[in-house]
Amino acid sequence: FPGSDTFWSKGISACAVCEGALPIFRNKEIAVIGGGDSACEEAMHLTKFGSKVHLIHRRDELRASKVMQARVLANPKIQVHWDSVPVEAHGDRLLNGVTLENVKTKERRLLPCNGLFFAIGHKPNTDFVKGVLDMDDEGYLRTKPGTSLTNIPGVFAAGDCQDKRYRQAITAAASGCMAALDCEHWLGEQ
């Protein structure tokens, strides 16, 4: 949506765990887009840093687990904006607000916020190896536990294409290092 590219890394992010504690978000109103477990977890995490967290969800109920829904709905620092989607990001040098549109009424309103985190799902970019490498139902590559080894000798998997739990840059870098070491070891045996 307009402004999302402009304010990327200037208030807009996809990783609350990575960036939520940054000074630009401290004691400020922050928004999270999504309604699943990831979005609810990120909203809960951001309550440690922001003055208020707005959870923007396009439906009238959350898709998160019942336990996570209960935590979010009981948290006084979280306000859920039902049936809403962001349609424009605003700001000067940094993000300072998002226009929301109600998906049912088409009514628009400005939500002042200094942070906006995308938590709307994750699809690993593995379609190009479908049918070649073993993967689970969600498209994540299967590796031998504790390694980067796939079902094909000499092919290694690292990062978000095989990590469905953490999906963070630092763990992707670490698994890339593992893959490099596994590859070096494999090449040495050839």
N, C-alpha and C. Protein backbone atom coordinates (compact mmCIF):
# COMPACT_ATOMS: atom_id res chain seq x y z
N PHE A 1 0.84 -1.18 0.00
CA PHE A 1 0.00 0.00 0.00
C PHE A 1 0.89 1.24 0.00
N PRO A 2 0.38 2.36 -0.48
CA PRO A 2 1.20 3.57 -0.58
C PRO A 2 1.86 3.93 0.75
N GLY A 3 3.14 4.26 0.68
CA GLY A 3 3.90 4.65 1.85
C GLY A 3 4.60 3.50 2.56
N SER A 4 4.19 2.28 2.28
CA SER A 4 4.83 1.15 2.99
C SER A 4 6.28 0.99 2.57
N ASP A 5 6.59 1.24 1.31
CA ASP A 5 7.99 1.19 0.88
C ASP A 5 8.76 2.41 1.39
N THR A 6 8.13 3.56 1.37
CA THR A 6 8.77 4.80 1.80
C THR A 6 9.23 4.72 3.25
N PHE A 7 8.40 4.11 4.11
CA PHE A 7 8.71 4.09 5.53
C PHE A 7 9.24 2.74 6.01
N TRP A 8 9.64 1.87 5.05
CA TRP A 8 10.27 0.60 5.43
C TRP A 8 11.58 0.91 6.14
N SER A 9 11.78 0.34 7.30
CA SER A 9 12.95 0.60 8.16
C SER A 9 12.97 2.03 8.69
N LYS A 10 11.86 2.72 8.57
CA LYS A 10 11.71 4.06 9.13
C LYS A 10 10.42 4.09 9.94
N GLY A 11 10.16 2.95 10.57
CA GLY A 11 8.94 2.79 11.36
C GLY A 11 8.14 1.57 10.95
N ILE A 12 8.39 1.05 9.75
CA ILE A 12 7.71 -0.16 9.28
C ILE A 12 8.72 -1.30 9.22
N SER A 13 8.28 -2.46 9.73
CA SER A 13 9.16 -3.62 9.81
C SER A 13 8.34 -4.90 9.72
N ALA A 14 9.02 -6.01 9.62
CA ALA A 14 8.36 -7.32 9.65
C ALA A 14 8.86 -8.16 10.80
N CYS A 15 9.59 -7.55 11.74
CA CYS A 15 10.14 -8.34 12.85
C CYS A 15 10.11 -7.55 14.15
N ALA A 16 9.06 -7.77 14.92
CA ALA A 16 8.94 -7.09 16.21
C ALA A 16 10.03 -7.52 17.18
N VAL A 17 10.41 -8.79 17.13
CA VAL A 17 11.46 -9.28 18.03
C VAL A 17 12.79 -8.62 17.70
N CYS A 18 13.05 -8.42 16.40
CA CYS A 18 14.32 -7.82 15.97
C CYS A 18 14.39 -6.32 16.28
N GLU A 19 13.29 -5.62 16.08
CA GLU A 19 13.34 -4.16 16.09
C GLU A 19 12.43 -3.48 17.11
N GLY A 20 11.58 -4.23 17.77
CA GLY A 20 10.60 -3.63 18.67
C GLY A 20 11.18 -2.83 19.81
N ALA A 21 12.37 -3.17 20.26
CA ALA A 21 12.99 -2.47 21.39
C ALA A 21 13.77 -1.22 20.97
N LEU A 22 13.81 -0.92 19.68
CA LEU A 22 14.55 0.26 19.22
C LEU A 22 13.96 1.53 19.83
N PRO A 23 14.79 2.53 20.05
CA PRO A 23 14.32 3.78 20.66
C PRO A 23 13.16 4.46 19.92
N ILE A 24 13.08 4.31 18.60
CA ILE A 24 12.00 4.99 17.88
C ILE A 24 10.62 4.44 18.23
N PHE A 25 10.56 3.26 18.88
CA PHE A 25 9.28 2.67 19.27
C PHE A 25 9.00 2.78 20.76
N ARG A 26 9.99 3.15 21.54
CA ARG A 26 9.83 3.19 23.00
C ARG A 26 8.76 4.20 23.42
N ASN A 27 7.82 3.73 24.22
CA ASN A 27 6.74 4.57 24.77
C ASN A 27 5.93 5.27 23.68
N LYS A 28 5.84 4.64 22.52
CA LYS A 28 5.05 5.18 21.41
C LYS A 28 3.93 4.19 21.06
N GLU A 29 2.95 4.67 20.31
CA GLU A 29 1.90 3.78 19.84
C GLU A 29 2.42 3.01 18.62
N ILE A 30 2.19 1.71 18.64
CA ILE A 30 2.71 0.80 17.62
C ILE A 30 1.54 -0.02 17.09
N ALA A 31 1.60 -0.39 15.81
CA ALA A 31 0.55 -1.23 15.23
C ALA A 31 1.14 -2.51 14.66
N VAL A 32 0.32 -3.55 14.68
CA VAL A 32 0.69 -4.85 14.12
C VAL A 32 -0.43 -5.26 13.18
N ILE A 33 -0.07 -5.72 11.98
CA ILE A 33 -1.06 -6.19 11.01
C ILE A 33 -1.10 -7.70 11.07
N GLY A 34 -2.29 -8.26 11.29
CA GLY A 34 -2.46 -9.71 11.30
C GLY A 34 -3.42 -10.14 12.38
N GLY A 35 -3.78 -11.41 12.34
CA GLY A 35 -4.71 -11.94 13.33
C GLY A 35 -4.40 -13.36 13.75
N GLY A 36 -3.27 -13.89 13.29
CA GLY A 36 -2.88 -15.24 13.66
C GLY A 36 -1.97 -15.25 14.87
N ASP A 37 -1.43 -16.42 15.17
CA ASP A 37 -0.56 -16.55 16.33
C ASP A 37 0.65 -15.63 16.25
N SER A 38 1.27 -15.53 15.07
CA SER A 38 2.46 -14.67 14.94
C SER A 38 2.13 -13.22 15.25
N ALA A 39 1.03 -12.72 14.72
CA ALA A 39 0.64 -11.34 14.97
C ALA A 39 0.34 -11.10 16.45
N CYS A 40 -0.36 -12.04 17.06
CA CYS A 40 -0.69 -11.90 18.48
C CYS A 40 0.56 -11.98 19.35
N GLU A 41 1.49 -12.87 19.01
CA GLU A 41 2.75 -12.96 19.75
C GLU A 41 3.53 -11.66 19.62
N GLU A 42 3.57 -11.10 18.41
CA GLU A 42 4.29 -9.85 18.21
C GLU A 42 3.63 -8.71 18.97
N ALA A 43 2.30 -8.66 18.95
CA ALA A 43 1.58 -7.62 19.70
C ALA A 43 1.89 -7.72 21.18
N MET A 44 1.86 -8.94 21.72
CA MET A 44 2.18 -9.13 23.15
C MET A 44 3.62 -8.68 23.44
N HIS A 45 4.54 -9.05 22.57
CA HIS A 45 5.95 -8.67 22.75
C HIS A 45 6.10 -7.15 22.75
N LEU A 46 5.41 -6.47 21.86
CA LEU A 46 5.55 -5.02 21.72
C LEU A 46 4.97 -4.25 22.90
N THR A 47 4.09 -4.88 23.68
CA THR A 47 3.56 -4.18 24.86
C THR A 47 4.65 -3.88 25.88
N LYS A 48 5.77 -4.56 25.78
CA LYS A 48 6.90 -4.30 26.69
C LYS A 48 7.57 -2.97 26.38
N PHE A 49 7.38 -2.48 25.17
CA PHE A 49 8.11 -1.29 24.72
C PHE A 49 7.21 -0.11 24.39
N GLY A 50 6.10 -0.36 23.73
CA GLY A 50 5.22 0.72 23.31
C GLY A 50 4.23 1.14 24.38
N SER A 51 3.68 2.35 24.22
CA SER A 51 2.67 2.82 25.17
C SER A 51 1.33 2.14 24.90
N LYS A 52 1.09 1.79 23.64
CA LYS A 52 -0.14 1.10 23.24
C LYS A 52 0.16 0.34 21.96
N VAL A 53 -0.48 -0.82 21.80
CA VAL A 53 -0.31 -1.62 20.60
C VAL A 53 -1.67 -1.79 19.93
N HIS A 54 -1.73 -1.45 18.66
CA HIS A 54 -2.95 -1.59 17.86
C HIS A 54 -2.80 -2.84 16.99
N LEU A 55 -3.71 -3.78 17.13
CA LEU A 55 -3.70 -4.98 16.31
C LEU A 55 -4.74 -4.79 15.21
N ILE A 56 -4.27 -4.72 13.97
CA ILE A 56 -5.13 -4.46 12.81
C ILE A 56 -5.44 -5.78 12.14
N HIS A 57 -6.73 -6.13 12.10
CA HIS A 57 -7.11 -7.43 11.52
C HIS A 57 -8.28 -7.25 10.56
N ARG A 58 -8.18 -7.90 9.42
CA ARG A 58 -9.18 -7.75 8.35
C ARG A 58 -10.48 -8.50 8.61
N ARG A 59 -10.52 -9.31 9.63
CA ARG A 59 -11.72 -10.09 9.94
C ARG A 59 -12.33 -9.62 11.26
N ASP A 60 -13.44 -10.26 11.63
CA ASP A 60 -14.10 -9.90 12.88
C ASP A 60 -13.80 -10.89 14.00
N GLU A 61 -12.83 -11.77 13.77
CA GLU A 61 -12.34 -12.67 14.81
C GLU A 61 -10.90 -13.03 14.48
N LEU A 62 -10.13 -13.33 15.52
CA LEU A 62 -8.73 -13.69 15.35
C LEU A 62 -8.62 -15.15 14.92
N ARG A 63 -7.56 -15.45 14.18
CA ARG A 63 -7.28 -16.83 13.76
C ARG A 63 -6.32 -17.51 14.72
N ALA A 64 -5.78 -16.77 15.66
CA ALA A 64 -4.81 -17.29 16.62
C ALA A 64 -5.47 -18.36 17.50
N SER A 65 -4.62 -19.12 18.20
CA SER A 65 -5.13 -20.13 19.13
C SER A 65 -5.98 -19.44 20.20
N LYS A 66 -6.88 -20.19 20.81
CA LYS A 66 -7.78 -19.63 21.83
C LYS A 66 -6.99 -19.03 22.99
N VAL A 67 -5.90 -19.70 23.38
CA VAL A 67 -5.08 -19.19 24.47
C VAL A 67 -4.47 -17.85 24.11
N MET A 68 -3.93 -17.74 22.89
CA MET A 68 -3.31 -16.49 22.46
C MET A 68 -4.36 -15.39 22.31
N GLN A 69 -5.53 -15.74 21.78
CA GLN A 69 -6.62 -14.75 21.67
C GLN A 69 -6.97 -14.19 23.04
N ALA A 70 -7.10 -15.08 24.02
CA ALA A 70 -7.47 -14.65 25.37
C ALA A 70 -6.43 -13.70 25.94
N ARG A 71 -5.16 -13.99 25.73
CA ARG A 71 -4.08 -13.12 26.24
C ARG A 71 -4.16 -11.73 25.61
N VAL A 72 -4.33 -11.71 24.30
CA VAL A 72 -4.39 -10.43 23.59
C VAL A 72 -5.60 -9.62 24.01
N LEU A 73 -6.76 -10.25 24.03
CA LEU A 73 -7.99 -9.53 24.35
C LEU A 73 -8.04 -9.06 25.80
N ALA A 74 -7.29 -9.73 26.69
CA ALA A 74 -7.25 -9.33 28.10
C ALA A 74 -6.19 -8.29 28.39
N ASN A 75 -5.30 -8.02 27.44
CA ASN A 75 -4.21 -7.09 27.68
C ASN A 75 -4.70 -5.65 27.50
N PRO A 76 -4.64 -4.84 28.55
CA PRO A 76 -5.15 -3.47 28.44
C PRO A 76 -4.34 -2.57 27.50
N LYS A 77 -3.12 -2.98 27.15
CA LYS A 77 -2.30 -2.17 26.24
C LYS A 77 -2.56 -2.48 24.77
N ILE A 78 -3.42 -3.49 24.49
CA ILE A 78 -3.69 -3.87 23.10
C ILE A 78 -5.12 -3.50 22.74
N GLN A 79 -5.25 -2.79 21.62
CA GLN A 79 -6.57 -2.47 21.07
C GLN A 79 -6.67 -3.14 19.70
N VAL A 80 -7.72 -3.94 19.50
CA VAL A 80 -7.92 -4.62 18.23
C VAL A 80 -8.80 -3.77 17.34
N HIS A 81 -8.39 -3.60 16.10
CA HIS A 81 -9.18 -2.88 15.09
C HIS A 81 -9.73 -3.93 14.14
N TRP A 82 -10.97 -4.34 14.39
CA TRP A 82 -11.61 -5.40 13.62
C TRP A 82 -11.97 -4.94 12.21
N ASP A 83 -12.04 -5.88 11.29
CA ASP A 83 -12.49 -5.62 9.91
C ASP A 83 -11.74 -4.46 9.27
N SER A 84 -10.46 -4.34 9.55
CA SER A 84 -9.68 -3.20 9.07
C SER A 84 -8.41 -3.64 8.35
N VAL A 85 -8.05 -2.84 7.35
CA VAL A 85 -6.80 -3.04 6.62
C VAL A 85 -6.11 -1.69 6.46
N PRO A 86 -4.77 -1.69 6.46
CA PRO A 86 -4.06 -0.43 6.20
C PRO A 86 -4.11 -0.12 4.70
N VAL A 87 -4.32 1.14 4.36
CA VAL A 87 -4.35 1.52 2.95
C VAL A 87 -3.32 2.58 2.59
N GLU A 88 -2.74 3.22 3.62
CA GLU A 88 -1.68 4.20 3.35
C GLU A 88 -0.90 4.48 4.62
N ALA A 89 0.41 4.60 4.47
CA ALA A 89 1.30 4.96 5.57
C ALA A 89 1.69 6.43 5.42
N HIS A 90 1.78 7.14 6.55
CA HIS A 90 2.06 8.58 6.53
C HIS A 90 3.26 8.90 7.41
N GLY A 91 3.87 10.02 7.14
CA GLY A 91 4.96 10.50 7.98
C GLY A 91 5.76 11.56 7.28
N ASP A 92 6.77 12.03 7.99
CA ASP A 92 7.72 12.96 7.40
C ASP A 92 8.98 12.16 7.12
N ARG A 93 9.93 12.23 8.04
CA ARG A 93 11.13 11.42 7.91
C ARG A 93 10.86 9.99 8.37
N LEU A 94 10.03 9.85 9.42
CA LEU A 94 9.65 8.56 9.99
C LEU A 94 8.13 8.40 9.94
N LEU A 95 7.67 7.17 10.05
CA LEU A 95 6.24 6.88 10.09
C LEU A 95 5.59 7.59 11.27
N ASN A 96 4.42 8.21 11.03
CA ASN A 96 3.67 8.78 12.15
C ASN A 96 2.18 8.45 12.10
N GLY A 97 1.77 7.62 11.14
CA GLY A 97 0.38 7.21 11.11
C GLY A 97 0.05 6.32 9.94
N VAL A 98 -1.09 5.65 10.05
CA VAL A 98 -1.56 4.74 9.01
C VAL A 98 -3.05 4.99 8.82
N THR A 99 -3.47 5.08 7.57
CA THR A 99 -4.89 5.16 7.28
C THR A 99 -5.44 3.74 7.22
N LEU A 100 -6.49 3.50 7.99
CA LEU A 100 -7.17 2.20 8.00
C LEU A 100 -8.48 2.31 7.26
N GLU A 101 -8.83 1.22 6.57
CA GLU A 101 -10.13 1.16 5.91
C GLU A 101 -10.90 -0.03 6.46
N ASN A 102 -12.16 0.23 6.84
CA ASN A 102 -13.02 -0.85 7.29
C ASN A 102 -13.45 -1.63 6.06
N VAL A 103 -13.20 -2.94 6.04
CA VAL A 103 -13.48 -3.76 4.86
C VAL A 103 -14.97 -3.92 4.59
N LYS A 104 -15.81 -3.67 5.59
CA LYS A 104 -17.26 -3.81 5.41
C LYS A 104 -17.92 -2.49 5.02
N THR A 105 -17.54 -1.41 5.70
CA THR A 105 -18.19 -0.12 5.46
C THR A 105 -17.42 0.78 4.50
N LYS A 106 -16.14 0.45 4.25
CA LYS A 106 -15.22 1.26 3.43
C LYS A 106 -14.87 2.59 4.10
N GLU A 107 -15.30 2.79 5.33
CA GLU A 107 -14.96 4.00 6.07
C GLU A 107 -13.46 4.01 6.36
N ARG A 108 -12.85 5.20 6.23
CA ARG A 108 -11.42 5.35 6.47
C ARG A 108 -11.18 6.25 7.67
N ARG A 109 -10.10 5.93 8.41
CA ARG A 109 -9.72 6.76 9.55
C ARG A 109 -8.21 6.70 9.72
N LEU A 110 -7.66 7.76 10.29
CA LEU A 110 -6.22 7.83 10.53
C LEU A 110 -5.91 7.25 11.89
N LEU A 111 -4.96 6.34 11.94
CA LEU A 111 -4.48 5.76 13.19
C LEU A 111 -3.07 6.31 13.43
N PRO A 112 -2.92 7.24 14.37
CA PRO A 112 -1.57 7.73 14.67
C PRO A 112 -0.74 6.61 15.29
N CYS A 113 0.44 6.37 14.75
CA CYS A 113 1.35 5.37 15.31
C CYS A 113 2.75 5.64 14.78
N ASN A 114 3.74 5.22 15.55
CA ASN A 114 5.13 5.42 15.15
C ASN A 114 5.80 4.13 14.71
N GLY A 115 5.07 3.03 14.76
CA GLY A 115 5.60 1.75 14.32
C GLY A 115 4.49 0.92 13.70
N LEU A 116 4.85 0.15 12.68
CA LEU A 116 3.90 -0.74 12.02
C LEU A 116 4.65 -2.02 11.66
N PHE A 117 4.18 -3.13 12.19
CA PHE A 117 4.84 -4.42 11.99
C PHE A 117 3.92 -5.35 11.22
N PHE A 118 4.43 -5.88 10.11
CA PHE A 118 3.69 -6.86 9.31
C PHE A 118 3.84 -8.23 9.96
N ALA A 119 2.74 -8.88 10.25
CA ALA A 119 2.76 -10.24 10.80
C ALA A 119 1.61 -11.01 10.16
N ILE A 120 1.64 -11.06 8.83
CA ILE A 120 0.49 -11.59 8.08
C ILE A 120 0.79 -12.91 7.39
N GLY A 121 1.66 -13.67 7.98
CA GLY A 121 1.93 -14.98 7.42
C GLY A 121 3.27 -15.06 6.75
N HIS A 122 3.69 -16.27 6.52
CA HIS A 122 5.01 -16.49 5.96
C HIS A 122 4.93 -17.68 5.02
N LYS A 123 5.39 -17.51 3.81
CA LYS A 123 5.45 -18.61 2.86
C LYS A 123 6.89 -18.72 2.39
N PRO A 124 7.53 -19.86 2.68
CA PRO A 124 8.92 -19.99 2.25
C PRO A 124 9.03 -20.02 0.73
N ASN A 125 10.07 -19.44 0.20
CA ASN A 125 10.28 -19.35 -1.25
C ASN A 125 10.95 -20.64 -1.74
N THR A 126 10.18 -21.72 -1.79
CA THR A 126 10.73 -23.03 -2.13
C THR A 126 10.02 -23.70 -3.31
N ASP A 127 9.10 -23.01 -3.94
CA ASP A 127 8.34 -23.62 -5.04
C ASP A 127 9.25 -24.16 -6.15
N PHE A 128 10.38 -23.52 -6.36
CA PHE A 128 11.27 -23.91 -7.45
C PHE A 128 11.93 -25.28 -7.23
N VAL A 129 11.88 -25.81 -6.00
CA VAL A 129 12.45 -27.14 -5.73
C VAL A 129 11.38 -28.15 -5.34
N LYS A 130 10.12 -27.77 -5.53
CA LYS A 130 9.02 -28.68 -5.20
C LYS A 130 9.13 -29.93 -6.06
N GLY A 131 8.99 -31.08 -5.43
CA GLY A 131 9.11 -32.35 -6.13
C GLY A 131 10.54 -32.85 -6.25
N VAL A 132 11.49 -32.00 -5.89
CA VAL A 132 12.90 -32.38 -5.94
C VAL A 132 13.43 -32.61 -4.52
N LEU A 133 13.22 -31.60 -3.66
CA LEU A 133 13.65 -31.71 -2.26
C LEU A 133 12.44 -32.02 -1.38
N ASP A 134 12.67 -32.80 -0.34
CA ASP A 134 11.60 -33.10 0.61
C ASP A 134 11.20 -31.84 1.35
N MET A 135 9.88 -31.63 1.44
CA MET A 135 9.36 -30.49 2.18
C MET A 135 8.08 -30.89 2.89
N ASP A 136 7.70 -30.08 3.87
CA ASP A 136 6.47 -30.37 4.60
C ASP A 136 5.28 -29.75 3.86
N ASP A 137 4.09 -29.87 4.44
CA ASP A 137 2.87 -29.39 3.79
C ASP A 137 2.84 -27.88 3.59
N GLU A 138 3.62 -27.15 4.40
CA GLU A 138 3.66 -25.70 4.29
C GLU A 138 4.74 -25.21 3.34
N GLY A 139 5.56 -26.13 2.80
CA GLY A 139 6.60 -25.75 1.85
C GLY A 139 7.97 -25.55 2.46
N TYR A 140 8.13 -25.83 3.76
CA TYR A 140 9.45 -25.72 4.38
C TYR A 140 10.27 -26.97 4.04
N LEU A 141 11.54 -26.77 3.71
CA LEU A 141 12.41 -27.89 3.36
C LEU A 141 12.74 -28.71 4.61
N ARG A 142 12.72 -30.01 4.43
CA ARG A 142 13.07 -30.92 5.52
C ARG A 142 14.57 -31.16 5.50
N THR A 143 15.18 -31.06 6.67
CA THR A 143 16.60 -31.35 6.81
C THR A 143 16.79 -32.39 7.90
N LYS A 144 17.93 -33.09 7.82
CA LYS A 144 18.28 -34.04 8.86
C LYS A 144 18.44 -33.24 10.15
N PRO A 145 17.76 -33.63 11.24
CA PRO A 145 17.82 -32.85 12.49
C PRO A 145 19.24 -32.48 12.90
N GLY A 146 19.40 -31.21 13.25
CA GLY A 146 20.69 -30.71 13.70
C GLY A 146 21.68 -30.41 12.60
N THR A 147 21.25 -30.53 11.33
CA THR A 147 22.14 -30.26 10.19
C THR A 147 21.39 -29.45 9.15
N SER A 148 22.06 -29.17 8.05
CA SER A 148 21.43 -28.51 6.91
C SER A 148 21.25 -29.48 5.74
N LEU A 149 21.50 -30.77 5.99
CA LEU A 149 21.44 -31.79 4.93
C LEU A 149 20.01 -32.06 4.49
N THR A 150 19.78 -32.02 3.18
CA THR A 150 18.48 -32.36 2.62
C THR A 150 18.50 -33.82 2.17
N ASN A 151 17.44 -34.23 1.50
CA ASN A 151 17.36 -35.60 1.02
C ASN A 151 18.28 -35.86 -0.17
N ILE A 152 18.88 -34.83 -0.75
CA ILE A 152 19.80 -35.01 -1.89
C ILE A 152 21.21 -34.66 -1.43
N PRO A 153 22.14 -35.63 -1.54
CA PRO A 153 23.53 -35.36 -1.15
C PRO A 153 24.09 -34.16 -1.92
N GLY A 154 24.75 -33.26 -1.19
CA GLY A 154 25.34 -32.08 -1.81
C GLY A 154 24.41 -30.90 -1.92
N VAL A 155 23.16 -31.06 -1.49
CA VAL A 155 22.21 -29.94 -1.48
C VAL A 155 21.87 -29.66 -0.01
N PHE A 156 22.07 -28.41 0.39
CA PHE A 156 21.91 -28.02 1.78
C PHE A 156 20.86 -26.92 1.87
N ALA A 157 20.16 -26.87 2.99
CA ALA A 157 19.11 -25.86 3.19
C ALA A 157 19.44 -25.02 4.42
N ALA A 158 19.25 -23.71 4.30
CA ALA A 158 19.54 -22.80 5.40
C ALA A 158 18.54 -21.66 5.41
N GLY A 159 18.32 -21.08 6.56
CA GLY A 159 17.48 -19.90 6.68
C GLY A 159 16.00 -20.19 6.70
N ASP A 160 15.24 -19.19 6.28
CA ASP A 160 13.79 -19.26 6.40
C ASP A 160 13.14 -20.35 5.56
N CYS A 161 13.83 -20.90 4.57
CA CYS A 161 13.23 -21.96 3.76
C CYS A 161 13.13 -23.27 4.54
N GLN A 162 13.86 -23.39 5.65
CA GLN A 162 13.78 -24.60 6.46
C GLN A 162 13.50 -24.32 7.94
N ASP A 163 13.40 -23.06 8.30
CA ASP A 163 13.19 -22.68 9.70
C ASP A 163 11.80 -22.09 9.89
N LYS A 164 10.84 -22.91 10.26
CA LYS A 164 9.48 -22.42 10.41
C LYS A 164 9.20 -21.87 11.80
N ARG A 165 10.14 -22.03 12.72
CA ARG A 165 9.89 -21.58 14.07
C ARG A 165 10.40 -20.16 14.34
N TYR A 166 11.67 -19.91 14.07
CA TYR A 166 12.27 -18.63 14.46
C TYR A 166 12.18 -17.57 13.38
N ARG A 167 12.49 -17.92 12.14
CA ARG A 167 12.41 -17.00 11.00
C ARG A 167 13.00 -15.63 11.31
N GLN A 168 14.24 -15.63 11.72
CA GLN A 168 14.91 -14.38 12.05
C GLN A 168 16.25 -14.32 11.33
N ALA A 169 16.67 -13.12 11.03
CA ALA A 169 17.92 -12.94 10.28
C ALA A 169 19.10 -13.58 10.98
N ILE A 170 19.18 -13.44 12.29
CA ILE A 170 20.34 -13.97 13.00
C ILE A 170 20.36 -15.50 12.95
N THR A 171 19.20 -16.14 13.06
CA THR A 171 19.18 -17.60 12.99
C THR A 171 19.42 -18.06 11.56
N ALA A 172 18.95 -17.27 10.59
CA ALA A 172 19.22 -17.60 9.18
C ALA A 172 20.72 -17.54 8.91
N ALA A 173 21.39 -16.53 9.46
CA ALA A 173 22.84 -16.40 9.27
C ALA A 173 23.56 -17.59 9.92
N ALA A 174 23.11 -17.96 11.10
CA ALA A 174 23.72 -19.10 11.78
C ALA A 174 23.50 -20.39 11.00
N SER A 175 22.29 -20.58 10.47
CA SER A 175 22.05 -21.82 9.71
C SER A 175 22.79 -21.78 8.38
N GLY A 176 23.04 -20.59 7.84
CA GLY A 176 23.87 -20.47 6.64
C GLY A 176 25.30 -20.91 6.93
N CYS A 177 25.79 -20.55 8.11
CA CYS A 177 27.12 -21.00 8.53
C CYS A 177 27.15 -22.51 8.67
N MET A 178 26.10 -23.09 9.27
CA MET A 178 26.01 -24.54 9.39
C MET A 178 26.05 -25.19 8.01
N ALA A 179 25.29 -24.63 7.07
CA ALA A 179 25.25 -25.19 5.72
C ALA A 179 26.63 -25.13 5.06
N ALA A 180 27.33 -24.01 5.27
CA ALA A 180 28.67 -23.89 4.70
C ALA A 180 29.61 -24.95 5.28
N LEU A 181 29.53 -25.17 6.58
CA LEU A 181 30.36 -26.19 7.21
C LEU A 181 29.97 -27.59 6.75
N ASP A 182 28.66 -27.86 6.65
CA ASP A 182 28.20 -29.16 6.15
C ASP A 182 28.68 -29.38 4.72
N CYS A 183 28.60 -28.33 3.90
CA CYS A 183 29.03 -28.41 2.51
C CYS A 183 30.53 -28.67 2.42
N GLU A 184 31.29 -27.93 3.23
CA GLU A 184 32.74 -28.12 3.23
C GLU A 184 33.09 -29.56 3.60
N HIS A 185 32.42 -30.08 4.61
CA HIS A 185 32.65 -31.46 5.05
C HIS A 185 32.28 -32.42 3.93
N TRP A 186 31.16 -32.21 3.29
CA TRP A 186 30.69 -33.09 2.20
C TRP A 186 31.68 -33.06 1.02
N LEU A 187 32.11 -31.86 0.66
CA LEU A 187 33.06 -31.74 -0.45
C LEU A 187 34.38 -32.45 -0.14
N GLY A 188 34.80 -32.39 1.13
CA GLY A 188 36.02 -33.06 1.54
C GLY A 188 35.94 -34.58 1.41
N GLU A 189 34.73 -35.10 1.48
CA GLU A 189 34.54 -36.56 1.36
C GLU A 189 34.41 -37.02 -0.11
N GLN A 190 34.24 -36.08 -1.01
CA GLN A 190 34.00 -36.45 -2.42
C GLN A 190 35.29 -36.73 -3.17
